[in-house]
Structure formats: C-alpha cells, structure tokens
Amino acid sequence: MQRVSDIHVTVPDQRSKGCAQGRSGRPGGQRPVGPVLIDLDELRFRAQAQHPGDDVPSPRFLPELGRLAEAVNSEAGLTPQGAAAVRERLVSALEQQTRLAALAQEAPETAATHIRNPVFISGLPGSGASMLQNLLVEHPSVDSPTLWEMLYPVSPGAGSPGRRMLIGQARAHVEASRHPVRHRTVGRFREATRPGGCHQLLANAFQSPVSGMYLRIPEYVRELEAADLTAAYAFHREQLQAITSRIPVASLVLRAPFHAARVDDLLRVYPDARIIRVHRDPAALVTITAGLSAGLRRTTSSRVAPKEVGREWADHIERHLARTSQAGRRLGPDRLLDVRHADLVAAPAATVRRVLQFIGVEPTPAVLDNVECLARATAAPTPNAHRFQADDFGLSTDELRERFASHIETYAL
C-alpha cells in the first residue's frame, strides 16, 4: 500500500548519486591522478558544521570512505561539477550518520524495533525487480519504504507543510537522476513516492555496489565484490529500524540489484530473511546496465567510453551471476524464490500470486485486479522511446548469449 501523507523524510539533494574523492586508504593502491578534489577532513568539517554546539560523534566507516575516495580520485575522471555533486552526496551520508546517532540517544527504543522475516528482491537493472516490488505493494499487508525514505532514512521533524516542500525537492532529485536516460524504456517506477531501492542504505556506509553505476571505479567495484559487507548490512538494519519505527509494517519488501550475490553477509544480519531473485536474459541485462551506467556517469565524469563501459559490465555481471548461483545453493525453497522476467510481463497477476504465497500473504481478487491494471499501464510503449542496443557498447547479443549460455539454460531464459 502506498504511503504519501505519513512518510517521514529529509531534504534530498538534487545531485548525481555517487561517492567522493579523498585520501588513499588502500595499501599499494594507485595514487590520485591530478589534484585531490575531495578532502576527507573537509567532508567531516562540513558535516559537523551543520550541528554547531552539539557533541557530534565521530563518523563511521571512515576506512571505507577513504578507499572509495581514493578510487574516485584515481579512476573516475570527475569534472568540476561532478566533484561538487559527489562531495555533496558524501556530506549527506555523513549527515545521516550523525542524525542516526542522535536518534539513538533521543529514542533508544528505536534499536529494539523488530524487523521480522524481511523479503529482499534482487534483480539487475531491467530485470523487472522494481516492477515486482511495485506490484507487491498493491497488497495492503505488504509495504516498502519509499525512495525518499531510502535516500534519507533519518530526518528532523517536520509538519505537513514541510513534508510537502520536501516531496517537491525529492521529485526534483528524481528528475535530475532520470534526465541522462530520459528517452529510454527503463526506470518507469522511479518516483519519489514509490518504493525505493535499499542500496541507498549501504551507500551511507560507503559500501554500495551500485556506486559503480554512477562512477567510473571498476577496480574499486572488484575489491568490493570480495569485501565482507556484514557491518554495512548491520548499518543498513539500523537505518531500516529508524524508518519502520515510525511506520510499522506487516510484510516488509526491500530491493537492490546485487543482494543475491551477498546472501551470506545479508543473512548474518537478517537471519530470517527470504530472497527473491528476478531473472532475465543476461544479454539484455548487460546492455541495459551498460546503457544506464554510461548515461549516469556522463553527469559527473569526462571519461565515459561506451565500449569500455560495455566490457566492464559484461565482466561484472558474469561474476555477479556466478556468485549468485553459488550463494543460492545454500538456501531451501522456503527461503529462496526464483521469478522470470518473462512470466512477470506475460502473467503479472499469476506471478504476484505465487510471490505473495511465498511471502505468506493471502492474495485477494481485488489486489490481483489492481496488479493487472498497473502492469498493463506500465507496459504501454513510451513515446519516442529508444532501446539500448548491444552494439552501442561494442557488444554482440549473440556473443553475450553464448557467454551466458549456462545461466540462460538453467533458468530457461
């Protein structure tokens, strides 16, 4: 069920999402090329300056911030405007940490907020994961935090007029991030008041795999693949408790592109979680992800070569799917459900019925009717839409399908 009047938000910044530059945190790593555009001490100073006179706690995850900052300095090729946007996003993440620490002092009961049996949807861009999440919340017993709650999970109190103002600013943020891929047939559910991706909560710990979508940091992304994200997921839970303590939910559904490859880390923090994996032809997923990434990177970087982006994401998705398959073998059918994009598009109500039964929620005819209507509305072609093509990124659909033949066969894609 969508929540508009009750949601609690902070001012979203109208900036490209991403990460910042700073001092080296990786032993033996590359040294920054050119000037250090973002200084960690400056970021901390700016975050603390927003709380004059307060006993501001030390920021968390500073080593992770340092590694991310060095990667951006070394690899991303930020423009001055891109560097400014990245600085603001990192200051915002530090600000959320400060607000969460203040909330822990003011309302310690928040840490006792129960998050029972959460459902994590995992699917790469274009897989239909966002569509599935949005169809599920048509059921009154299913809920997902909105995009603006995910962007800023802890906020100062505000009355209704303040919330209306913040909603407008959140929509401006969404529009700014949508602009680079405006005429593409993706991201139809990306709205400030619709369910958002919970990778935003990992970004506030400077460990979101999605940061590679917005920034040219391939070496950092590879390092993050091998890193232990348990602490980041623990921080993810703290922020989620801050959101759900204000608006309790019955069945909580969350979504992020890369959860399925991080099941071990996730389950250490959410031991009763259930996982839904949404599958689509990897050739399409590589093409869509490369297209989105190239468009988003152009908002911050002068180093965007489409063929390089295509190779990068073909390699990354190949590693991701291998890890996803391996992690899934450790889960039984009561904890893991696989959904095909083709089934979601062809039979949305039947697919949602199956997913609701997996979650433990009784589907009703009215809900399934709403699902059909919403699915039909979003299936309508977008005027002047342009689909990403594999050869735009130096790729071949036939070669990609051959490369991912085993995955395609396993899931009948």
Protein backbone atom coordinates (compact mmCIF):
# COMPACT_ATOMS: atom_id res chain seq x y z
CA MET A 1 0.00 0.00 0.00
CA GLN A 2 1.46 3.34 -0.96
CA ARG A 3 2.06 5.84 1.83
CA VAL A 4 2.17 9.52 0.97
CA SER A 5 0.82 11.57 3.87
CA ASP A 6 2.55 9.62 6.63
CA ILE A 7 6.06 9.29 5.30
CA HIS A 8 8.95 10.91 7.15
CA VAL A 9 11.68 12.39 5.02
CA THR A 10 14.71 14.62 4.88
CA VAL A 11 15.63 17.15 2.24
CA PRO A 12 17.02 15.18 -0.72
CA ASP A 13 19.85 16.85 -2.55
CA GLN A 14 19.43 17.43 -6.29
CA ARG A 15 22.69 15.78 -7.19
CA SER A 16 24.03 12.79 -9.02
CA LYS A 17 24.37 9.86 -6.73
CA GLY A 18 27.83 8.57 -6.15
CA CYS A 19 30.82 8.78 -3.95
CA ALA A 20 33.66 11.13 -3.23
CA GLN A 21 37.34 11.52 -3.60
CA GLY A 22 39.81 11.72 -0.81
CA ARG A 23 43.00 10.36 0.70
CA SER A 24 44.41 6.99 0.00
CA GLY A 25 43.01 4.11 2.05
CA ARG A 26 44.21 1.12 0.03
CA PRO A 27 47.73 -0.07 0.71
CA GLY A 28 49.57 -0.31 -2.57
CA GLY A 29 46.69 1.33 -4.44
CA GLN A 30 47.01 3.85 -7.23
CA ARG A 31 47.83 7.39 -6.25
CA PRO A 32 45.32 10.04 -7.27
CA VAL A 33 45.78 11.50 -10.73
CA GLY A 34 45.79 15.31 -10.55
CA PRO A 35 44.53 17.32 -7.59
CA VAL A 36 42.61 15.70 -4.74
CA LEU A 37 39.21 17.22 -5.41
CA ILE A 38 37.58 15.99 -2.22
CA ASP A 39 39.34 16.05 1.13
CA LEU A 40 38.07 13.79 3.90
CA ASP A 41 38.77 16.34 6.60
CA GLU A 42 36.77 18.90 4.64
CA LEU A 43 33.85 16.49 4.38
CA ARG A 44 33.91 15.85 8.12
CA PHE A 45 34.15 19.57 8.87
CA ARG A 46 31.16 20.35 6.66
CA ALA A 47 29.07 17.58 8.22
CA GLN A 48 29.92 18.70 11.75
CA ALA A 49 29.29 22.37 10.91
CA GLN A 50 25.62 21.55 10.48
CA HIS A 51 25.44 20.79 14.22
CA PRO A 52 27.16 23.73 15.93
CA GLY A 53 27.49 23.26 19.66
CA ASP A 54 26.43 19.62 19.53
CA ASP A 55 28.58 16.78 20.72
CA VAL A 56 28.89 15.28 17.25
CA PRO A 57 30.07 11.65 17.26
CA SER A 58 32.95 10.56 15.05
CA PRO A 59 31.81 9.38 11.63
CA ARG A 60 31.60 5.65 11.00
CA PHE A 61 33.13 3.69 8.13
CA LEU A 62 35.98 6.15 7.59
CA PRO A 63 38.36 3.47 6.21
CA GLU A 64 35.69 2.52 3.69
CA LEU A 65 35.17 6.16 2.81
CA GLY A 66 38.92 6.55 2.31
CA ARG A 67 39.12 3.58 -0.05
CA LEU A 68 36.17 4.81 -2.04
CA ALA A 69 37.60 8.33 -2.16
CA GLU A 70 40.96 7.13 -3.45
CA ALA A 71 39.26 5.06 -6.13
CA VAL A 72 37.29 8.05 -7.33
CA ASN A 73 40.41 10.21 -7.41
CA SER A 74 42.35 7.55 -9.29
CA GLU A 75 39.76 6.25 -11.73
CA ALA A 76 36.64 8.39 -12.12
CA GLY A 77 37.86 11.44 -14.04
CA LEU A 78 35.38 13.76 -12.39
CA THR A 79 34.50 17.08 -13.90
CA PRO A 80 34.40 20.06 -11.50
CA GLN A 81 30.62 19.83 -11.48
CA GLY A 82 30.82 16.09 -10.88
CA ALA A 83 33.24 16.56 -7.99
CA ALA A 84 30.88 19.08 -6.40
CA ALA A 85 27.95 16.66 -6.73
CA VAL A 86 29.95 13.82 -5.24
CA ARG A 87 31.11 15.98 -2.34
CA GLU A 88 27.53 16.89 -1.52
CA ARG A 89 26.39 13.27 -1.65
CA LEU A 90 29.10 12.20 0.79
CA VAL A 91 28.37 15.05 3.16
CA SER A 92 24.75 13.92 3.08
CA ALA A 93 25.79 10.36 4.01
CA LEU A 94 27.83 11.67 6.93
CA GLU A 95 24.88 13.80 7.96
CA GLN A 96 22.64 10.74 8.03
CA GLN A 97 25.16 9.01 10.30
CA THR A 98 25.04 11.99 12.68
CA ARG A 99 21.26 12.03 12.69
CA LEU A 100 21.12 8.30 13.35
CA ALA A 101 23.48 8.67 16.31
CA ALA A 102 21.31 11.49 17.68
CA LEU A 103 18.21 9.35 17.24
CA ALA A 104 19.86 6.52 19.21
CA GLN A 105 20.33 8.94 22.13
CA GLU A 106 16.91 10.57 21.92
CA ALA A 107 14.88 7.41 21.25
CA PRO A 108 16.92 4.34 22.25
CA GLU A 109 13.82 2.19 21.82
CA THR A 110 14.33 2.52 18.04
CA ALA A 111 17.13 -0.04 18.25
CA ALA A 112 14.58 -2.56 19.57
CA THR A 113 12.29 -2.20 16.54
CA HIS A 114 11.64 -5.68 15.21
CA ILE A 115 12.19 -6.45 11.55
CA ARG A 116 10.67 -9.89 11.12
CA ASN A 117 11.02 -12.07 8.04
CA PRO A 118 12.02 -9.30 5.61
CA VAL A 119 11.88 -10.13 1.91
CA PHE A 120 14.78 -9.00 -0.28
CA ILE A 121 14.19 -8.77 -4.02
CA SER A 122 17.37 -8.93 -6.07
CA GLY A 123 17.48 -8.25 -9.77
CA LEU A 124 19.79 -6.31 -12.05
CA PRO A 125 18.57 -3.14 -13.83
CA GLY A 126 15.97 -4.08 -16.41
CA SER A 127 15.22 -7.44 -14.78
CA GLY A 128 11.77 -6.45 -13.57
CA ALA A 129 12.75 -6.37 -9.88
CA SER A 130 11.39 -2.83 -9.45
CA MET A 131 8.20 -3.77 -11.24
CA LEU A 132 7.70 -6.78 -8.95
CA GLN A 133 8.26 -4.66 -5.83
CA ASN A 134 5.73 -2.09 -7.00
CA LEU A 135 3.14 -4.73 -7.88
CA LEU A 136 3.52 -6.39 -4.48
CA VAL A 137 2.77 -3.19 -2.55
CA GLU A 138 -0.68 -3.17 -4.12
CA HIS A 139 -1.48 -5.60 -1.30
CA PRO A 140 -2.40 -3.73 1.93
CA SER A 141 -0.30 -6.12 4.04
CA VAL A 142 2.87 -5.54 2.02
CA ASP A 143 4.96 -2.42 2.30
CA SER A 144 8.25 -0.95 1.12
CA PRO A 145 9.88 2.31 2.20
CA THR A 146 9.63 4.98 -0.46
CA LEU A 147 12.53 6.26 -2.49
CA TRP A 148 12.91 9.41 -0.42
CA GLU A 149 12.91 7.42 2.82
CA MET A 150 15.69 5.27 1.42
CA LEU A 151 17.68 8.28 0.32
CA TYR A 152 17.36 9.93 3.72
CA PRO A 153 16.18 7.46 6.37
CA VAL A 154 16.69 9.77 9.37
CA SER A 155 15.31 13.28 9.30
CA PRO A 156 14.39 16.17 11.59
CA GLY A 157 10.75 16.52 12.46
CA ALA A 158 8.57 18.40 10.02
CA GLY A 159 4.87 19.17 9.80
CA SER A 160 2.67 18.67 6.79
CA PRO A 161 3.74 21.92 5.02
CA GLY A 162 7.37 20.94 5.47
CA ARG A 163 6.71 17.48 4.11
CA ARG A 164 5.03 18.90 1.01
CA MET A 165 8.07 21.07 0.37
CA LEU A 166 10.37 18.10 0.83
CA ILE A 167 8.29 16.00 -1.53
CA GLY A 168 8.78 18.62 -4.22
CA GLN A 169 12.52 18.65 -3.67
CA ALA A 170 12.61 14.85 -3.73
CA ARG A 171 10.86 14.87 -7.08
CA ALA A 172 13.43 17.33 -8.40
CA HIS A 173 16.16 14.93 -7.29
CA VAL A 174 14.47 12.09 -9.16
CA GLU A 175 14.11 14.19 -12.29
CA ALA A 176 17.79 15.13 -12.18
CA SER A 177 18.85 11.49 -11.99
CA ARG A 178 16.39 10.48 -14.73
CA HIS A 179 17.48 13.16 -17.20
CA PRO A 180 20.54 11.29 -18.61
CA VAL A 181 18.34 8.37 -19.71
CA ARG A 182 15.15 10.32 -20.37
CA HIS A 183 14.11 8.61 -23.59
CA ARG A 184 14.87 5.05 -22.55
CA THR A 185 12.32 2.37 -21.74
CA VAL A 186 13.61 1.82 -18.19
CA GLY A 187 13.01 3.25 -14.74
CA ARG A 188 9.27 3.76 -15.02
CA PHE A 189 8.74 3.18 -11.31
CA ARG A 190 11.44 5.61 -10.24
CA GLU A 191 9.32 8.16 -8.41
CA ALA A 192 9.81 9.90 -5.08
CA THR A 193 6.62 8.41 -3.64
CA ARG A 194 7.11 4.88 -5.00
CA PRO A 195 9.15 2.12 -3.31
CA GLY A 196 12.89 2.77 -3.46
CA GLY A 197 15.97 0.57 -3.59
CA CYS A 198 17.60 -0.17 -0.24
CA HIS A 199 21.10 0.01 -1.74
CA GLN A 200 20.83 3.65 -0.65
CA LEU A 201 21.28 2.46 2.95
CA LEU A 202 24.52 0.70 2.03
CA ALA A 203 25.68 3.88 0.31
CA ASN A 204 25.51 5.68 3.67
CA ALA A 205 28.17 3.20 4.82
CA PHE A 206 30.17 3.91 1.62
CA GLN A 207 29.85 0.27 0.50
CA SER A 208 27.13 0.15 -2.11
CA PRO A 209 27.91 -1.93 -5.22
CA VAL A 210 25.57 0.42 -7.09
CA SER A 211 28.15 3.23 -6.81
CA GLY A 212 29.83 1.68 -9.85
CA MET A 213 26.74 2.55 -11.88
CA TYR A 214 27.30 6.25 -11.35
CA LEU A 215 31.07 6.44 -11.19
CA ARG A 216 33.93 5.00 -13.25
CA ILE A 217 35.57 2.97 -10.44
CA PRO A 218 35.95 -0.58 -11.85
CA GLU A 219 38.89 -1.59 -9.64
CA TYR A 220 37.05 -0.46 -6.53
CA VAL A 221 33.95 -2.42 -7.57
CA ARG A 222 36.07 -5.55 -7.92
CA GLU A 223 37.52 -5.03 -4.45
CA LEU A 224 34.04 -4.51 -3.04
CA GLU A 225 32.92 -7.82 -4.54
CA ALA A 226 35.43 -9.61 -2.30
CA ALA A 227 34.82 -7.48 0.80
CA ASP A 228 32.83 -8.57 3.85
CA LEU A 229 29.73 -6.35 3.93
CA THR A 230 28.33 -7.65 7.23
CA ALA A 231 28.99 -4.35 9.03
CA ALA A 232 27.41 -2.41 6.16
CA TYR A 233 24.30 -4.60 6.36
CA ALA A 234 24.20 -4.04 10.13
CA PHE A 235 24.15 -0.30 9.45
CA HIS A 236 21.51 -0.97 6.78
CA ARG A 237 19.37 -2.54 9.52
CA GLU A 238 19.86 0.40 11.91
CA GLN A 239 18.59 2.79 9.27
CA LEU A 240 15.70 0.50 8.40
CA GLN A 241 14.73 0.41 12.08
CA ALA A 242 14.65 4.22 12.06
CA ILE A 243 12.20 4.13 9.15
CA THR A 244 9.95 1.29 10.35
CA SER A 245 9.82 2.51 13.95
CA ARG A 246 7.79 5.45 12.65
CA ILE A 247 5.60 3.46 10.30
CA PRO A 248 5.28 -0.21 11.35
CA VAL A 249 4.69 -2.67 8.52
CA ALA A 250 3.32 -6.21 8.33
CA SER A 251 5.36 -7.69 5.48
CA LEU A 252 8.44 -5.69 4.55
CA VAL A 253 9.74 -5.99 0.98
CA LEU A 254 13.13 -4.50 0.05
CA ARG A 255 15.00 -4.35 -3.24
CA ALA A 256 18.52 -3.83 -4.54
CA PRO A 257 20.33 -5.08 -7.66
CA PHE A 258 23.14 -7.04 -6.02
CA HIS A 259 21.67 -8.61 -2.85
CA ALA A 260 21.62 -12.12 -4.31
CA ALA A 261 25.41 -12.25 -4.52
CA ARG A 262 25.75 -11.07 -0.88
CA VAL A 263 23.42 -13.59 0.75
CA ASP A 264 25.95 -14.74 3.36
CA ASP A 265 26.59 -11.18 4.59
CA LEU A 266 22.90 -10.33 4.48
CA LEU A 267 21.81 -13.40 6.47
CA ARG A 268 24.29 -12.68 9.26
CA VAL A 269 22.30 -9.52 9.93
CA TYR A 270 18.83 -10.67 8.81
CA PRO A 271 18.86 -14.39 9.71
CA ASP A 272 15.15 -14.86 8.94
CA ALA A 273 15.24 -13.07 5.60
CA ARG A 274 13.82 -14.53 2.42
CA ILE A 275 15.30 -13.89 -1.02
CA ILE A 276 13.56 -13.42 -4.37
CA ARG A 277 15.76 -13.44 -7.47
CA VAL A 278 14.38 -11.95 -10.67
CA HIS A 279 15.96 -13.39 -13.83
CA ARG A 280 16.18 -12.10 -17.39
CA ASP A 281 18.31 -12.88 -20.42
CA PRO A 282 21.80 -11.70 -19.35
CA ALA A 283 22.43 -10.26 -22.80
CA ALA A 284 19.59 -7.80 -22.21
CA LEU A 285 20.72 -7.08 -18.64
CA VAL A 286 24.29 -6.32 -19.68
CA THR A 287 23.07 -3.97 -22.42
CA ILE A 288 20.59 -2.13 -20.18
CA THR A 289 23.05 -1.82 -17.29
CA ALA A 290 25.79 -0.53 -19.57
CA GLY A 291 23.40 1.99 -21.09
CA LEU A 292 22.20 3.29 -17.74
CA SER A 293 25.73 3.42 -16.36
CA ALA A 294 27.10 5.33 -19.35
CA GLY A 295 24.31 7.89 -19.14
CA LEU A 296 24.65 8.41 -15.41
CA ARG A 297 28.44 8.65 -15.50
CA ARG A 298 28.28 11.42 -18.08
CA THR A 299 26.72 13.66 -15.42
CA THR A 300 29.94 13.59 -13.35
CA SER A 301 32.82 12.35 -15.50
CA SER A 302 34.76 13.25 -18.62
CA ARG A 303 35.95 9.64 -19.04
CA VAL A 304 32.95 7.77 -20.45
CA ALA A 305 33.81 5.42 -23.31
CA PRO A 306 30.76 3.28 -24.23
CA LYS A 307 32.82 0.25 -25.29
CA GLU A 308 34.77 0.34 -22.03
CA VAL A 309 31.52 0.55 -20.08
CA GLY A 310 30.14 -2.41 -22.02
CA ARG A 311 33.16 -4.60 -21.30
CA GLU A 312 33.17 -3.58 -17.66
CA TRP A 313 29.55 -4.53 -17.04
CA ALA A 314 29.71 -7.75 -19.04
CA ASP A 315 32.57 -8.87 -16.78
CA HIS A 316 30.94 -7.61 -13.59
CA ILE A 317 27.59 -9.25 -14.31
CA GLU A 318 29.30 -12.53 -15.20
CA ARG A 319 31.00 -12.55 -11.78
CA HIS A 320 27.78 -11.44 -10.07
CA LEU A 321 25.71 -14.25 -11.57
CA ALA A 322 28.35 -16.84 -10.65
CA ARG A 323 28.31 -15.69 -7.02
CA THR A 324 24.50 -15.51 -7.06
CA SER A 325 24.24 -19.12 -8.21
CA GLN A 326 26.71 -20.33 -5.61
CA ALA A 327 25.03 -18.45 -2.75
CA GLY A 328 21.58 -19.71 -3.75
CA ARG A 329 22.58 -23.35 -3.34
CA ARG A 330 22.67 -22.83 0.43
CA LEU A 331 19.01 -21.80 0.61
CA GLY A 332 15.99 -24.08 0.53
CA PRO A 333 12.69 -23.39 -1.29
CA ASP A 334 11.21 -21.82 1.84
CA ARG A 335 13.90 -19.12 1.77
CA LEU A 336 14.55 -18.63 -1.94
CA LEU A 337 12.18 -17.99 -4.86
CA ASP A 338 13.17 -17.51 -8.49
CA VAL A 339 10.99 -15.36 -10.77
CA ARG A 340 11.43 -14.90 -14.51
CA HIS A 341 11.00 -11.53 -16.16
CA ALA A 342 9.08 -13.20 -19.00
CA ASP A 343 6.49 -14.62 -16.56
CA LEU A 344 6.15 -11.30 -14.74
CA VAL A 345 5.41 -9.50 -18.01
CA ALA A 346 3.17 -12.18 -19.55
CA ALA A 347 1.21 -13.11 -16.42
CA PRO A 348 1.70 -10.46 -13.73
CA ALA A 349 -1.24 -11.45 -11.53
CA ALA A 350 -0.31 -15.14 -11.52
CA THR A 351 3.32 -14.29 -10.78
CA VAL A 352 2.39 -11.93 -7.95
CA ARG A 353 0.05 -14.58 -6.54
CA ARG A 354 2.96 -17.03 -6.39
CA VAL A 355 5.21 -14.45 -4.75
CA LEU A 356 2.56 -13.47 -2.17
CA GLN A 357 2.15 -17.12 -1.25
CA PHE A 358 5.92 -17.39 -0.80
CA ILE A 359 5.86 -14.33 1.47
CA GLY A 360 2.96 -15.79 3.47
CA VAL A 361 0.35 -13.22 2.45
CA GLU A 362 -3.07 -14.25 1.18
CA PRO A 363 -3.72 -12.88 -2.33
CA THR A 364 -7.19 -11.43 -2.94
CA PRO A 365 -9.09 -10.91 -6.21
CA ALA A 366 -9.16 -7.13 -5.75
CA VAL A 367 -5.40 -6.94 -5.28
CA LEU A 368 -4.75 -9.15 -8.29
CA ASP A 369 -7.06 -6.96 -10.40
CA ASN A 370 -5.06 -3.91 -9.32
CA VAL A 371 -1.86 -5.72 -10.23
CA GLU A 372 -3.14 -6.43 -13.74
CA CYS A 373 -4.17 -2.79 -14.23
CA LEU A 374 -0.84 -1.42 -13.01
CA ALA A 375 1.13 -3.89 -15.10
CA ARG A 376 -0.84 -3.02 -18.25
CA ALA A 377 -0.36 0.69 -17.66
CA THR A 378 3.40 0.36 -17.36
CA ALA A 379 3.61 -1.97 -20.36
CA ALA A 380 2.32 0.74 -22.69
CA PRO A 381 5.08 1.96 -25.02
CA THR A 382 6.79 5.24 -24.12
CA PRO A 383 6.58 7.83 -26.93
CA ASN A 384 9.90 8.26 -28.74
CA ALA A 385 11.50 5.63 -26.52
CA HIS A 386 14.91 4.36 -27.57
CA ARG A 387 16.07 0.92 -26.51
CA PHE A 388 19.70 0.30 -25.67
CA GLN A 389 21.45 -1.84 -28.27
CA ALA A 390 24.39 -4.15 -27.54
CA ASP A 391 26.46 -2.76 -30.39
CA ASP A 392 26.17 0.73 -28.84
CA PHE A 393 28.68 -0.60 -26.30
CA GLY A 394 30.88 -2.73 -28.52
CA LEU A 395 28.95 -5.89 -27.63
CA SER A 396 27.17 -8.57 -29.60
CA THR A 397 23.88 -10.05 -28.38
CA ASP A 398 24.74 -13.45 -29.89
CA GLU A 399 28.16 -13.48 -28.24
CA LEU A 400 26.67 -12.45 -24.89
CA ARG A 401 24.09 -15.23 -25.06
CA GLU A 402 26.85 -17.71 -25.82
CA ARG A 403 28.92 -16.36 -22.94
CA PHE A 404 25.99 -16.75 -20.51
CA ALA A 405 24.61 -19.96 -22.06
CA SER A 406 24.73 -21.96 -18.82
CA HIS A 407 22.76 -19.34 -16.88
CA ILE A 408 20.26 -18.99 -19.72
CA GLU A 409 19.71 -22.74 -19.82
CA THR A 410 19.41 -23.11 -16.03
CA TYR A 411 16.59 -20.57 -15.78
CA ALA A 412 15.06 -21.10 -19.24
CA LEU A 413 15.74 -17.51 -20.29
